[in-house]
Amino acid sequence: MKVVKIDWMDEGALEAVITVLSGDSTFQAFSHPCSYKVGDIIRSPLMSLDDENIVRVDSTTPMIKQIGDTFRHEIIAKVENVKKSLVSVGDVEIELGRYLPGDIIDGDYISFQSSRLDT
């Protein structure tokens, strides 16, 4: 995923909202401390805060959809590692803040909402 824009919330404290492009998806993530520059590639997983409504879905089309002008996102992702709560949307890896429900296994697709994605 590639950083396409940085909006500084507090440049002295290195707090920023970064706009990220991955495939056809453009979305925002919070970054602190932000050491990225426009054009940088982010290779480490994003952290999802306050994930909720985690359910297995039949869809195999991953997506990240930002909800309005908030940090909230609706996500459909492939489960990469249940034990690590690691999912992916294309080249975007996301580490969930909680454990996945017990009936979900590696390779399943899940839908959930995240109150914020962090770098």
PDB file of N, CA and C in Angstrom:
ATOM      1  N   MET A   1       0.837  -1.168   0.000  1.00  0.00           N
ATOM      2  CA  MET A   1       0.000   0.000   0.000  1.00  0.00           C
ATOM      3  C   MET A   1       0.881   1.229   0.000  1.00  0.00           C
ATOM      4  N   LYS A   2       0.427   2.259  -0.688  1.00  0.00           N
ATOM      5  CA  LYS A   2       1.247   3.434  -0.931  1.00  0.00           C
ATOM      6  C   LYS A   2       0.632   4.673  -0.281  1.00  0.00           C
ATOM      7  N   VAL A   3       1.468   5.466   0.365  1.00  0.00           N
ATOM      8  CA  VAL A   3       1.034   6.728   0.961  1.00  0.00           C
ATOM      9  C   VAL A   3       0.893   7.757  -0.158  1.00  0.00           C
ATOM     10  N   VAL A   4      -0.323   8.315  -0.307  1.00  0.00           N
ATOM     11  CA  VAL A   4      -0.551   9.290  -1.368  1.00  0.00           C
ATOM     12  C   VAL A   4      -0.780  10.708  -0.840  1.00  0.00           C
ATOM     13  N   LYS A   5      -1.048  10.818   0.471  1.00  0.00           N
ATOM     14  CA  LYS A   5      -1.279  12.143   1.049  1.00  0.00           C
ATOM     15  C   LYS A   5      -1.053  12.074   2.555  1.00  0.00           C
ATOM     16  N   ILE A   6      -0.526  13.155   3.110  1.00  0.00           N
ATOM     17  CA  ILE A   6      -0.343  13.261   4.559  1.00  0.00           C
ATOM     18  C   ILE A   6      -0.960  14.573   5.026  1.00  0.00           C
ATOM     19  N   ASP A   7      -1.906  14.472   5.953  1.00  0.00           N
ATOM     20  CA  ASP A   7      -2.510  15.642   6.581  1.00  0.00           C
ATOM     21  C   ASP A   7      -2.063  15.652   8.038  1.00  0.00           C
ATOM     22  N   TRP A   8      -1.245  16.636   8.387  1.00  0.00           N
ATOM     23  CA  TRP A   8      -0.717  16.707   9.746  1.00  0.00           C
ATOM     24  C   TRP A   8      -1.773  17.215  10.706  1.00  0.00           C
ATOM     25  N   MET A   9      -2.007  16.467  11.770  1.00  0.00           N
ATOM     26  CA  MET A   9      -2.890  16.912  12.855  1.00  0.00           C
ATOM     27  C   MET A   9      -2.067  17.761  13.821  1.00  0.00           C
ATOM     28  N   ASP A  10      -0.835  17.287  14.104  1.00  0.00           N
ATOM     29  CA  ASP A  10       0.111  17.988  14.960  1.00  0.00           C
ATOM     30  C   ASP A  10       1.498  17.562  14.510  1.00  0.00           C
ATOM     31  N   GLU A  11       2.091  18.378  13.650  1.00  0.00           N
ATOM     32  CA  GLU A  11       3.380  17.998  13.056  1.00  0.00           C
ATOM     33  C   GLU A  11       4.479  17.867  14.106  1.00  0.00           C
ATOM     34  N   GLY A  12       4.446  18.728  15.139  1.00  0.00           N
ATOM     35  CA  GLY A  12       5.438  18.656  16.209  1.00  0.00           C
ATOM     36  C   GLY A  12       5.363  17.345  16.972  1.00  0.00           C
ATOM     37  N   ALA A  13       4.150  16.824  17.143  1.00  0.00           N
ATOM     38  CA  ALA A  13       3.956  15.553  17.849  1.00  0.00           C
ATOM     39  C   ALA A  13       3.963  14.361  16.883  1.00  0.00           C
ATOM     40  N   LEU A  14       4.167  14.645  15.586  1.00  0.00           N
ATOM     41  CA  LEU A  14       4.209  13.625  14.537  1.00  0.00           C
ATOM     42  C   LEU A  14       2.894  12.848  14.415  1.00  0.00           C
ATOM     43  N   GLU A  15       1.758  13.526  14.634  1.00  0.00           N
ATOM     44  CA  GLU A  15       0.435  12.919  14.469  1.00  0.00           C
ATOM     45  C   GLU A  15      -0.130  13.332  13.122  1.00  0.00           C
ATOM     46  N   ALA A  16      -0.525  12.327  12.332  1.00  0.00           N
ATOM     47  CA  ALA A  16      -1.018  12.625  10.991  1.00  0.00           C
ATOM     48  C   ALA A  16      -2.116  11.658  10.575  1.00  0.00           C
ATOM     49  N   VAL A  17      -2.909  12.130   9.639  1.00  0.00           N
ATOM     50  CA  VAL A  17      -3.863  11.274   8.935  1.00  0.00           C
ATOM     51  C   VAL A  17      -3.241  11.046   7.564  1.00  0.00           C
ATOM     52  N   ILE A  18      -2.992   9.770   7.257  1.00  0.00           N
ATOM     53  CA  ILE A  18      -2.395   9.472   5.958  1.00  0.00           C
ATOM     54  C   ILE A  18      -3.455   8.845   5.055  1.00  0.00           C
ATOM     55  N   THR A  19      -3.406   9.213   3.793  1.00  0.00           N
ATOM     56  CA  THR A  19      -4.283   8.621   2.795  1.00  0.00           C
ATOM     57  C   THR A  19      -3.456   7.572   2.062  1.00  0.00           C
ATOM     58  N   VAL A  20      -4.026   6.375   1.981  1.00  0.00           N
ATOM     59  CA  VAL A  20      -3.320   5.221   1.448  1.00  0.00           C
ATOM     60  C   VAL A  20      -4.053   4.705   0.209  1.00  0.00           C
ATOM     61  N   LEU A  21      -3.299   4.280  -0.773  1.00  0.00           N
ATOM     62  CA  LEU A  21      -3.853   3.681  -1.989  1.00  0.00           C
ATOM     63  C   LEU A  21      -3.387   2.238  -2.073  1.00  0.00           C
ATOM     64  N   SER A  22      -4.355   1.346  -2.277  1.00  0.00           N
ATOM     65  CA  SER A  22      -4.050  -0.065  -2.460  1.00  0.00           C
ATOM     66  C   SER A  22      -5.019  -0.608  -3.511  1.00  0.00           C
ATOM     67  N   GLY A  23      -4.514  -0.977  -4.659  1.00  0.00           N
ATOM     68  CA  GLY A  23      -5.387  -1.444  -5.730  1.00  0.00           C
ATOM     69  C   GLY A  23      -6.373  -0.355  -6.080  1.00  0.00           C
ATOM     70  N   ASP A  24      -7.670  -0.669  -6.000  1.00  0.00           N
ATOM     71  CA  ASP A  24      -8.721   0.304  -6.295  1.00  0.00           C
ATOM     72  C   ASP A  24      -9.191   1.042  -5.054  1.00  0.00           C
ATOM     73  N   SER A  25      -8.650   0.717  -3.888  1.00  0.00           N
ATOM     74  CA  SER A  25      -9.118   1.305  -2.629  1.00  0.00           C
ATOM     75  C   SER A  25      -8.231   2.457  -2.187  1.00  0.00           C
ATOM     76  N   THR A  26      -8.875   3.550  -1.814  1.00  0.00           N
ATOM     77  CA  THR A  26      -8.205   4.673  -1.180  1.00  0.00           C
ATOM     78  C   THR A  26      -8.891   4.882   0.163  1.00  0.00           C
ATOM     79  N   PHE A  27      -8.106   4.946   1.222  1.00  0.00           N
ATOM     80  CA  PHE A  27      -8.680   5.103   2.557  1.00  0.00           C
ATOM     81  C   PHE A  27      -7.684   5.817   3.447  1.00  0.00           C
ATOM     82  N   GLN A  28      -8.146   6.212   4.636  1.00  0.00           N
ATOM     83  CA  GLN A  28      -7.301   6.942   5.568  1.00  0.00           C
ATOM     84  C   GLN A  28      -6.961   6.100   6.785  1.00  0.00           C
ATOM     85  N   ALA A  29      -5.788   6.375   7.334  1.00  0.00           N
ATOM     86  CA  ALA A  29      -5.342   5.728   8.567  1.00  0.00           C
ATOM     87  C   ALA A  29      -4.671   6.791   9.436  1.00  0.00           C
ATOM     88  N   PHE A  30      -4.722   6.567  10.732  1.00  0.00           N
ATOM     89  CA  PHE A  30      -4.054   7.439  11.688  1.00  0.00           C
ATOM     90  C   PHE A  30      -2.615   6.968  11.842  1.00  0.00           C
ATOM     91  N   SER A  31      -1.689   7.899  11.941  1.00  0.00           N
ATOM     92  CA  SER A  31      -0.284   7.524  12.080  1.00  0.00           C
ATOM     93  C   SER A  31       0.376   8.359  13.174  1.00  0.00           C
ATOM     94  N   HIS A  32       0.958   7.642  14.155  1.00  0.00           N
ATOM     95  CA  HIS A  32       1.715   8.310  15.223  1.00  0.00           C
ATOM     96  C   HIS A  32       2.726   7.341  15.799  1.00  0.00           C
ATOM     97  N   PRO A  33       3.968   7.597  15.820  1.00  0.00           N
ATOM     98  CA  PRO A  33       4.583   8.746  15.180  1.00  0.00           C
ATOM     99  C   PRO A  33       4.664   8.516  13.667  1.00  0.00           C
ATOM    100  N   CYS A  34       4.353   9.538  12.919  1.00  0.00           N
ATOM    101  CA  CYS A  34       4.340   9.427  11.455  1.00  0.00           C
ATOM    102  C   CYS A  34       5.718   9.771  10.897  1.00  0.00           C
ATOM    103  N   SER A  35       6.353   8.766  10.317  1.00  0.00           N
ATOM    104  CA  SER A  35       7.656   8.982   9.692  1.00  0.00           C
ATOM    105  C   SER A  35       7.570   8.777   8.182  1.00  0.00           C
ATOM    106  N   TYR A  36       6.343   8.664   7.669  1.00  0.00           N
ATOM    107  CA  TYR A  36       6.148   8.415   6.238  1.00  0.00           C
ATOM    108  C   TYR A  36       6.237   9.707   5.439  1.00  0.00           C
ATOM    109  N   LYS A  37       6.539   9.531   4.157  1.00  0.00           N
ATOM    110  CA  LYS A  37       6.515  10.613   3.180  1.00  0.00           C
ATOM    111  C   LYS A  37       5.595  10.162   2.053  1.00  0.00           C
ATOM    112  N   VAL A  38       5.044  11.110   1.332  1.00  0.00           N
ATOM    113  CA  VAL A  38       4.217  10.769   0.179  1.00  0.00           C
ATOM    114  C   VAL A  38       5.052   9.923  -0.779  1.00  0.00           C
ATOM    115  N   GLY A  39       4.468   8.807  -1.223  1.00  0.00           N
ATOM    116  CA  GLY A  39       5.164   7.887  -2.122  1.00  0.00           C
ATOM    117  C   GLY A  39       5.731   6.670  -1.417  1.00  0.00           C
ATOM    118  N   ASP A  40       5.834   6.733  -0.073  1.00  0.00           N
ATOM    119  CA  ASP A  40       6.353   5.578   0.677  1.00  0.00           C
ATOM    120  C   ASP A  40       5.398   4.388   0.560  1.00  0.00           C
ATOM    121  N   ILE A  41       5.963   3.202   0.607  1.00  0.00           N
ATOM    122  CA  ILE A  41       5.201   1.960   0.628  1.00  0.00           C
ATOM    123  C   ILE A  41       5.179   1.463   2.072  1.00  0.00           C
ATOM    124  N   ILE A  42       3.969   1.161   2.574  1.00  0.00           N
ATOM    125  CA  ILE A  42       3.824   0.628   3.930  1.00  0.00           C
ATOM    126  C   ILE A  42       3.777  -0.888   3.830  1.00  0.00           C
ATOM    127  N   ARG A  43       4.697  -1.541   4.493  1.00  0.00           N
ATOM    128  CA  ARG A  43       4.783  -3.002   4.425  1.00  0.00           C
ATOM    129  C   ARG A  43       4.300  -3.694   5.699  1.00  0.00           C
ATOM    130  N   SER A  44       4.240  -2.974   6.796  1.00  0.00           N
ATOM    131  CA  SER A  44       3.813  -3.593   8.056  1.00  0.00           C
ATOM    132  C   SER A  44       2.288  -3.557   8.155  1.00  0.00           C
ATOM    133  N   PRO A  45       1.711  -4.476   8.931  1.00  0.00           N
ATOM    134  CA  PRO A  45       0.250  -4.509   9.070  1.00  0.00           C
ATOM    135  C   PRO A  45      -0.297  -3.251   9.736  1.00  0.00           C
ATOM    136  N   LEU A  46      -1.491  -2.869   9.325  1.00  0.00           N
ATOM    137  CA  LEU A  46      -2.220  -1.818  10.020  1.00  0.00           C
ATOM    138  C   LEU A  46      -2.859  -2.438  11.252  1.00  0.00           C
ATOM    139  N   MET A  47      -3.119  -1.631  12.256  1.00  0.00           N
ATOM    140  CA  MET A  47      -3.815  -2.091  13.456  1.00  0.00           C
ATOM    141  C   MET A  47      -5.250  -1.592  13.380  1.00  0.00           C
ATOM    142  N   SER A  48      -6.189  -2.481  13.667  1.00  0.00           N
ATOM    143  CA  SER A  48      -7.596  -2.117  13.709  1.00  0.00           C
ATOM    144  C   SER A  48      -7.997  -1.906  15.168  1.00  0.00           C
ATOM    145  N   LEU A  49      -8.625  -0.787  15.440  1.00  0.00           N
ATOM    146  CA  LEU A  49      -9.084  -0.492  16.794  1.00  0.00           C
ATOM    147  C   LEU A  49     -10.592  -0.702  16.885  1.00  0.00           C
ATOM    148  N   ASP A  50     -11.015  -1.271  17.993  1.00  0.00           N
ATOM    149  CA  ASP A  50     -12.440  -1.459  18.282  1.00  0.00           C
ATOM    150  C   ASP A  50     -13.186  -2.154  17.147  1.00  0.00           C
ATOM    151  N   ASP A  51     -12.641  -3.297  16.689  1.00  0.00           N
ATOM    152  CA  ASP A  51     -13.337  -4.054  15.641  1.00  0.00           C
ATOM    153  C   ASP A  51     -14.657  -4.560  16.211  1.00  0.00           C
ATOM    154  N   GLU A  52     -15.664  -4.567  15.377  1.00  0.00           N
ATOM    155  CA  GLU A  52     -16.958  -5.076  15.823  1.00  0.00           C
ATOM    156  C   GLU A  52     -17.703  -5.708  14.655  1.00  0.00           C
ATOM    157  N   ASN A  53     -18.754  -6.451  15.020  1.00  0.00           N
ATOM    158  CA  ASN A  53     -19.593  -7.137  14.031  1.00  0.00           C
ATOM    159  C   ASN A  53     -18.774  -8.061  13.126  1.00  0.00           C
ATOM    160  N   ILE A  54     -17.864  -8.821  13.722  1.00  0.00           N
ATOM    161  CA  ILE A  54     -17.027  -9.747  12.950  1.00  0.00           C
ATOM    162  C   ILE A  54     -17.843 -10.993  12.628  1.00  0.00           C
ATOM    163  N   VAL A  55     -18.064 -11.227  11.332  1.00  0.00           N
ATOM    164  CA  VAL A  55     -18.817 -12.402  10.892  1.00  0.00           C
ATOM    165  C   VAL A  55     -18.172 -12.989   9.640  1.00  0.00           C
ATOM    166  N   ARG A  56     -18.298 -14.298   9.503  1.00  0.00           N
ATOM    167  CA  ARG A  56     -17.827 -14.967   8.290  1.00  0.00           C
ATOM    168  C   ARG A  56     -18.804 -14.629   7.168  1.00  0.00           C
ATOM    169  N   VAL A  57     -18.274 -14.416   5.953  1.00  0.00           N
ATOM    170  CA  VAL A  57     -19.118 -14.082   4.802  1.00  0.00           C
ATOM    171  C   VAL A  57     -18.765 -14.977   3.617  1.00  0.00           C
ATOM    172  N   ASP A  58     -19.704 -15.096   2.697  1.00  0.00           N
ATOM    173  CA  ASP A  58     -19.473 -15.886   1.491  1.00  0.00           C
ATOM    174  C   ASP A  58     -18.672 -15.122   0.445  1.00  0.00           C
ATOM    175  N   SER A  59     -18.699 -13.795   0.524  1.00  0.00           N
ATOM    176  CA  SER A  59     -18.000 -12.967  -0.456  1.00  0.00           C
ATOM    177  C   SER A  59     -16.509 -13.260  -0.437  1.00  0.00           C
ATOM    178  N   THR A  60     -15.918 -13.340  -1.607  1.00  0.00           N
ATOM    179  CA  THR A  60     -14.464 -13.501  -1.705  1.00  0.00           C
ATOM    180  C   THR A  60     -13.847 -12.281  -2.388  1.00  0.00           C
ATOM    181  N   THR A  61     -14.571 -11.156  -2.314  1.00  0.00           N
ATOM    182  CA  THR A  61     -14.074  -9.909  -2.878  1.00  0.00           C
ATOM    183  C   THR A  61     -13.701  -8.974  -1.734  1.00  0.00           C
ATOM    184  N   PRO A  62     -12.418  -8.938  -1.373  1.00  0.00           N
ATOM    185  CA  PRO A  62     -11.995  -8.083  -0.258  1.00  0.00           C
ATOM    186  C   PRO A  62     -12.201  -6.608  -0.585  1.00  0.00           C
ATOM    187  N   MET A  63     -12.476  -5.814   0.445  1.00  0.00           N
ATOM    188  CA  MET A  63     -12.632  -4.374   0.237  1.00  0.00           C
ATOM    189  C   MET A  63     -12.461  -3.635   1.555  1.00  0.00           C
ATOM    190  N   ILE A  64     -12.038  -2.377   1.409  1.00  0.00           N
ATOM    191  CA  ILE A  64     -11.992  -1.445   2.534  1.00  0.00           C
ATOM    192  C   ILE A  64     -12.785  -0.229   2.089  1.00  0.00           C
ATOM    193  N   LYS A  65     -13.809   0.101   2.856  1.00  0.00           N
ATOM    194  CA  LYS A  65     -14.651   1.237   2.511  1.00  0.00           C
ATOM    195  C   LYS A  65     -14.710   2.168   3.707  1.00  0.00           C
ATOM    196  N   GLN A  66     -14.195   3.371   3.515  1.00  0.00           N
ATOM    197  CA  GLN A  66     -14.240   4.365   4.580  1.00  0.00           C
ATOM    198  C   GLN A  66     -15.668   4.885   4.686  1.00  0.00           C
ATOM    199  N   ILE A  67     -16.149   5.044   5.901  1.00  0.00           N
ATOM    200  CA  ILE A  67     -17.520   5.479   6.135  1.00  0.00           C
ATOM    201  C   ILE A  67     -17.520   6.990   6.366  1.00  0.00           C
ATOM    202  N   GLY A  68     -17.963   7.721   5.361  1.00  0.00           N
ATOM    203  CA  GLY A  68     -18.019   9.181   5.441  1.00  0.00           C
ATOM    204  C   GLY A  68     -16.651   9.796   5.646  1.00  0.00           C
ATOM    205  N   ASP A  69     -16.610  10.863   6.438  1.00  0.00           N
ATOM    206  CA  ASP A  69     -15.357  11.563   6.729  1.00  0.00           C
ATOM    207  C   ASP A  69     -14.783  11.153   8.070  1.00  0.00           C
ATOM    208  N   THR A  70     -15.120   9.957   8.518  1.00  0.00           N
ATOM    209  CA  THR A  70     -14.659   9.474   9.816  1.00  0.00           C
ATOM    210  C   THR A  70     -13.488   8.520   9.624  1.00  0.00           C
ATOM    211  N   PHE A  71     -12.940   8.059  10.727  1.00  0.00           N
ATOM    212  CA  PHE A  71     -11.903   7.032  10.678  1.00  0.00           C
ATOM    213  C   PHE A  71     -12.509   5.636  10.542  1.00  0.00           C
ATOM    214  N   ARG A  72     -13.829   5.527  10.654  1.00  0.00           N
ATOM    215  CA  ARG A  72     -14.526   4.239  10.628  1.00  0.00           C
ATOM    216  C   ARG A  72     -14.475   3.631   9.224  1.00  0.00           C
ATOM    217  N   HIS A  73     -14.253   2.308   9.186  1.00  0.00           N
ATOM    218  CA  HIS A  73     -14.182   1.577   7.916  1.00  0.00           C
ATOM    219  C   HIS A  73     -15.014   0.309   7.988  1.00  0.00           C
ATOM    220  N   GLU A  74     -15.622  -0.030   6.869  1.00  0.00           N
ATOM    221  CA  GLU A  74     -16.251  -1.337   6.701  1.00  0.00           C
ATOM    222  C   GLU A  74     -15.288  -2.159   5.853  1.00  0.00           C
ATOM    223  N   ILE A  75     -15.015  -3.387   6.306  1.00  0.00           N
ATOM    224  CA  ILE A  75     -13.954  -4.184   5.681  1.00  0.00           C
ATOM    225  C   ILE A  75     -14.430  -5.605   5.430  1.00  0.00           C
ATOM    226  N   ILE A  76     -14.107  -6.121   4.254  1.00  0.00           N
ATOM    227  CA  ILE A  76     -14.230  -7.551   3.970  1.00  0.00           C
ATOM    228  C   ILE A  76     -12.805  -8.019   3.701  1.00  0.00           C
ATOM    229  N   ALA A  77     -12.354  -9.012   4.466  1.00  0.00           N
ATOM    230  CA  ALA A  77     -10.954  -9.426   4.403  1.00  0.00           C
ATOM    231  C   ALA A  77     -10.824 -10.940   4.460  1.00  0.00           C
ATOM    232  N   LYS A  78      -9.695 -11.419   3.973  1.00  0.00           N
ATOM    233  CA  LYS A  78      -9.358 -12.845   4.045  1.00  0.00           C
ATOM    234  C   LYS A  78      -8.567 -13.091   5.323  1.00  0.00           C
ATOM    235  N   VAL A  79      -8.932 -14.129   6.049  1.00  0.00           N
ATOM    236  CA  VAL A  79      -8.224 -14.477   7.280  1.00  0.00           C
ATOM    237  C   VAL A  79      -6.915 -15.164   6.903  1.00  0.00           C
ATOM    238  N   GLU A  80      -5.806 -14.563   7.295  1.00  0.00           N
ATOM    239  CA  GLU A  80      -4.484 -15.118   7.007  1.00  0.00           C
ATOM    240  C   GLU A  80      -3.974 -15.976   8.153  1.00  0.00           C
ATOM    241  N   ASN A  81      -4.238 -15.530   9.400  1.00  0.00           N
ATOM    242  CA  ASN A  81      -3.741 -16.255  10.556  1.00  0.00           C
ATOM    243  C   ASN A  81      -4.678 -16.002  11.742  1.00  0.00           C
ATOM    244  N   VAL A  82      -5.507 -16.997  12.054  1.00  0.00           N
ATOM    245  CA  VAL A  82      -6.487 -16.859  13.135  1.00  0.00           C
ATOM    246  C   VAL A  82      -5.789 -16.580  14.458  1.00  0.00           C
ATOM    247  N   LYS A  83      -4.711 -17.300  14.764  1.00  0.00           N
ATOM    248  CA  LYS A  83      -4.034 -17.146  16.055  1.00  0.00           C
ATOM    249  C   LYS A  83      -3.494 -15.735  16.261  1.00  0.00           C
ATOM    250  N   LYS A  84      -3.049 -15.093  15.180  1.00  0.00           N
ATOM    251  CA  LYS A  84      -2.509 -13.734  15.270  1.00  0.00           C
ATOM    252  C   LYS A  84      -3.565 -12.676  14.960  1.00  0.00           C
ATOM    253  N   SER A  85      -4.811 -13.104  14.680  1.00  0.00           N
ATOM    254  CA  SER A  85      -5.892 -12.185  14.281  1.00  0.00           C
ATOM    255  C   SER A  85      -5.454 -11.310  13.114  1.00  0.00           C
ATOM    256  N   LEU A  86      -4.823 -11.930  12.116  1.00  0.00           N
ATOM    257  CA  LEU A  86      -4.286 -11.223  10.960  1.00  0.00           C
ATOM    258  C   LEU A  86      -5.139 -11.513   9.734  1.00  0.00           C
ATOM    259  N   VAL A  87      -5.594 -10.439   9.080  1.00  0.00           N
ATOM    260  CA  VAL A  87      -6.411 -10.556   7.879  1.00  0.00           C
ATOM    261  C   VAL A  87      -5.772  -9.715   6.774  1.00  0.00           C
ATOM    262  N   SER A  88      -6.242  -9.918   5.540  1.00  0.00           N
ATOM    263  CA  SER A  88      -5.691  -9.135   4.430  1.00  0.00           C
ATOM    264  C   SER A  88      -6.789  -8.697   3.479  1.00  0.00           C
ATOM    265  N   VAL A  89      -6.558  -7.534   2.901  1.00  0.00           N
ATOM    266  CA  VAL A  89      -7.372  -6.999   1.819  1.00  0.00           C
ATOM    267  C   VAL A  89      -6.385  -6.668   0.714  1.00  0.00           C
ATOM    268  N   GLY A  90      -6.212  -7.593  -0.222  1.00  0.00           N
ATOM    269  CA  GLY A  90      -5.170  -7.411  -1.233  1.00  0.00           C
ATOM    270  C   GLY A  90      -3.809  -7.379  -0.564  1.00  0.00           C
ATOM    271  N   ASP A  91      -3.056  -6.307  -0.817  1.00  0.00           N
ATOM    272  CA  ASP A  91      -1.716  -6.200  -0.218  1.00  0.00           C
ATOM    273  C   ASP A  91      -1.733  -5.514   1.148  1.00  0.00           C
ATOM    274  N   VAL A  92      -2.917  -5.195   1.660  1.00  0.00           N
ATOM    275  CA  VAL A  92      -3.054  -4.553   2.970  1.00  0.00           C
ATOM    276  C   VAL A  92      -3.277  -5.627   4.029  1.00  0.00           C
ATOM    277  N   GLU A  93      -2.344  -5.725   4.972  1.00  0.00           N
ATOM    278  CA  GLU A  93      -2.531  -6.628   6.102  1.00  0.00           C
ATOM    279  C   GLU A  93      -3.047  -5.816   7.281  1.00  0.00           C
ATOM    280  N   ILE A  94      -4.005  -6.409   8.009  1.00  0.00           N
ATOM    281  CA  ILE A  94      -4.613  -5.738   9.161  1.00  0.00           C
ATOM    282  C   ILE A  94      -4.601  -6.694  10.342  1.00  0.00           C
ATOM    283  N   GLU A  95      -4.076  -6.206  11.455  1.00  0.00           N
ATOM    284  CA  GLU A  95      -4.091  -6.985  12.689  1.00  0.00           C
ATOM    285  C   GLU A  95      -5.268  -6.494  13.530  1.00  0.00           C
ATOM    286  N   LEU A  96      -6.190  -7.406  13.822  1.00  0.00           N
ATOM    287  CA  LEU A  96      -7.368  -7.038  14.597  1.00  0.00           C
ATOM    288  C   LEU A  96      -6.996  -6.866  16.064  1.00  0.00           C
ATOM    289  N   GLY A  97      -7.772  -6.051  16.746  1.00  0.00           N
ATOM    290  CA  GLY A  97      -7.513  -5.780  18.153  1.00  0.00           C
ATOM    291  C   GLY A  97      -8.097  -6.818  19.086  1.00  0.00           C
ATOM    292  N   ARG A  98      -8.805  -7.800  18.541  1.00  0.00           N
ATOM    293  CA  ARG A  98      -9.393  -8.853  19.373  1.00  0.00           C
ATOM    294  C   ARG A  98      -9.302 -10.172  18.634  1.00  0.00           C
ATOM    295  N   TYR A  99      -9.594 -11.236  19.377  1.00  0.00           N
ATOM    296  CA  TYR A  99      -9.560 -12.567  18.780  1.00  0.00           C
ATOM    297  C   TYR A  99     -10.748 -12.769  17.860  1.00  0.00           C
ATOM    298  N   LEU A 100     -10.547 -13.593  16.851  1.00  0.00           N
ATOM    299  CA  LEU A 100     -11.635 -13.930  15.935  1.00  0.00           C
ATOM    300  C   LEU A 100     -12.548 -14.962  16.572  1.00  0.00           C
ATOM    301  N   PRO A 101     -13.848 -14.943  16.231  1.00  0.00           N
ATOM    302  CA  PRO A 101     -14.759 -15.963  16.752  1.00  0.00           C
ATOM    303  C   PRO A 101     -14.255 -17.371  16.433  1.00  0.00           C
ATOM    304  N   GLY A 102     -14.573 -18.323  17.309  1.00  0.00           N
ATOM    305  CA  GLY A 102     -14.038 -19.680  17.246  1.00  0.00           C
ATOM    306  C   GLY A 102     -14.395 -20.486  16.009  1.00  0.00           C
ATOM    307  N   ASP A 103     -15.443 -20.105  15.282  1.00  0.00           N
ATOM    308  CA  ASP A 103     -15.829 -20.875  14.098  1.00  0.00           C
ATOM    309  C   ASP A 103     -15.125 -20.405  12.828  1.00  0.00           C
ATOM    310  N   ILE A 104     -14.269 -19.395  12.934  1.00  0.00           N
ATOM    311  CA  ILE A 104     -13.556 -18.863  11.773  1.00  0.00           C
ATOM    312  C   ILE A 104     -12.177 -19.503  11.690  1.00  0.00           C
ATOM    313  N   ILE A 105     -11.799 -19.899  10.456  1.00  0.00           N
ATOM    314  CA  ILE A 105     -10.506 -20.558  10.233  1.00  0.00           C
ATOM    315  C   ILE A 105      -9.711 -19.800   9.172  1.00  0.00           C
ATOM    316  N   ASP A 106      -8.413 -20.104   9.095  1.00  0.00           N
ATOM    317  CA  ASP A 106      -7.560 -19.511   8.069  1.00  0.00           C
ATOM    318  C   ASP A 106      -8.171 -19.759   6.693  1.00  0.00           C
ATOM    319  N   GLY A 107      -8.180 -18.736   5.848  1.00  0.00           N
ATOM    320  CA  GLY A 107      -8.723 -18.852   4.503  1.00  0.00           C
ATOM    321  C   GLY A 107     -10.156 -18.367   4.385  1.00  0.00           C
ATOM    322  N   ASP A 108     -10.875 -18.263   5.514  1.00  0.00           N
ATOM    323  CA  ASP A 108     -12.237 -17.725   5.487  1.00  0.00           C
ATOM    324  C   ASP A 108     -12.192 -16.241   5.153  1.00  0.00           C
ATOM    325  N   TYR A 109     -13.323 -15.722   4.714  1.00  0.00           N
ATOM    326  CA  TYR A 109     -13.492 -14.288   4.531  1.00  0.00           C
ATOM    327  C   TYR A 109     -14.423 -13.785   5.623  1.00  0.00           C
ATOM    328  N   ILE A 110     -14.088 -12.606   6.160  1.00  0.00           N
ATOM    329  CA  ILE A 110     -14.912 -12.028   7.217  1.00  0.00           C
ATOM    330  C   ILE A 110     -15.276 -10.593   6.856  1.00  0.00           C
ATOM    331  N   SER A 111     -16.357 -10.159   7.442  1.00  0.00           N
ATOM    332  CA  SER A 111     -16.777  -8.769   7.341  1.00  0.00           C
ATOM    333  C   SER A 111     -16.721  -8.196   8.753  1.00  0.00           C
ATOM    334  N   PHE A 112     -16.268  -6.949   8.874  1.00  0.00           N
ATOM    335  CA  PHE A 112     -16.252  -6.298  10.184  1.00  0.00           C
ATOM    336  C   PHE A 112     -16.147  -4.795   9.996  1.00  0.00           C
ATOM    337  N   GLN A 113     -16.377  -4.077  11.079  1.00  0.00           N
ATOM    338  CA  GLN A 113     -16.174  -2.640  11.084  1.00  0.00           C
ATOM    339  C   GLN A 113     -15.060  -2.311  12.053  1.00  0.00           C
ATOM    340  N   SER A 114     -14.264  -1.325  11.672  1.00  0.00           N
ATOM    341  CA  SER A 114     -13.158  -0.856  12.504  1.00  0.00           C
ATOM    342  C   SER A 114     -13.400   0.611  12.792  1.00  0.00           C
ATOM    343  N   SER A 115     -13.218   1.015  14.045  1.00  0.00           N
ATOM    344  CA  SER A 115     -13.413   2.434  14.364  1.00  0.00           C
ATOM    345  C   SER A 115     -12.227   3.266  13.891  1.00  0.00           C
ATOM    346  N   ARG A 116     -11.055   2.611  13.711  1.00  0.00           N
ATOM    347  CA  ARG A 116      -9.882   3.338  13.207  1.00  0.00           C
ATOM    348  C   ARG A 116      -8.823   2.356  12.784  1.00  0.00           C
ATOM    349  N   LEU A 117      -8.130   2.682  11.693  1.00  0.00           N
ATOM    350  CA  LEU A 117      -6.956   1.917  11.265  1.00  0.00           C
ATOM    351  C   LEU A 117      -5.733   2.767  11.582  1.00  0.00           C
ATOM    352  N   ASP A 118      -4.726   2.147  12.204  1.00  0.00           N
ATOM    353  CA  ASP A 118      -3.487   2.837  12.590  1.00  0.00           C
ATOM    354  C   ASP A 118      -2.296   2.208  11.910  1.00  0.00           C
ATOM    355  N   THR A 119      -1.296   3.040  11.625  1.00  0.00           N
ATOM    356  CA  THR A 119      -0.035   2.519  11.081  1.00  0.00           C
ATOM    357  C   THR A 119       0.903   2.205  12.223  1.00  0.00           C
TER     358      THR A 119
END
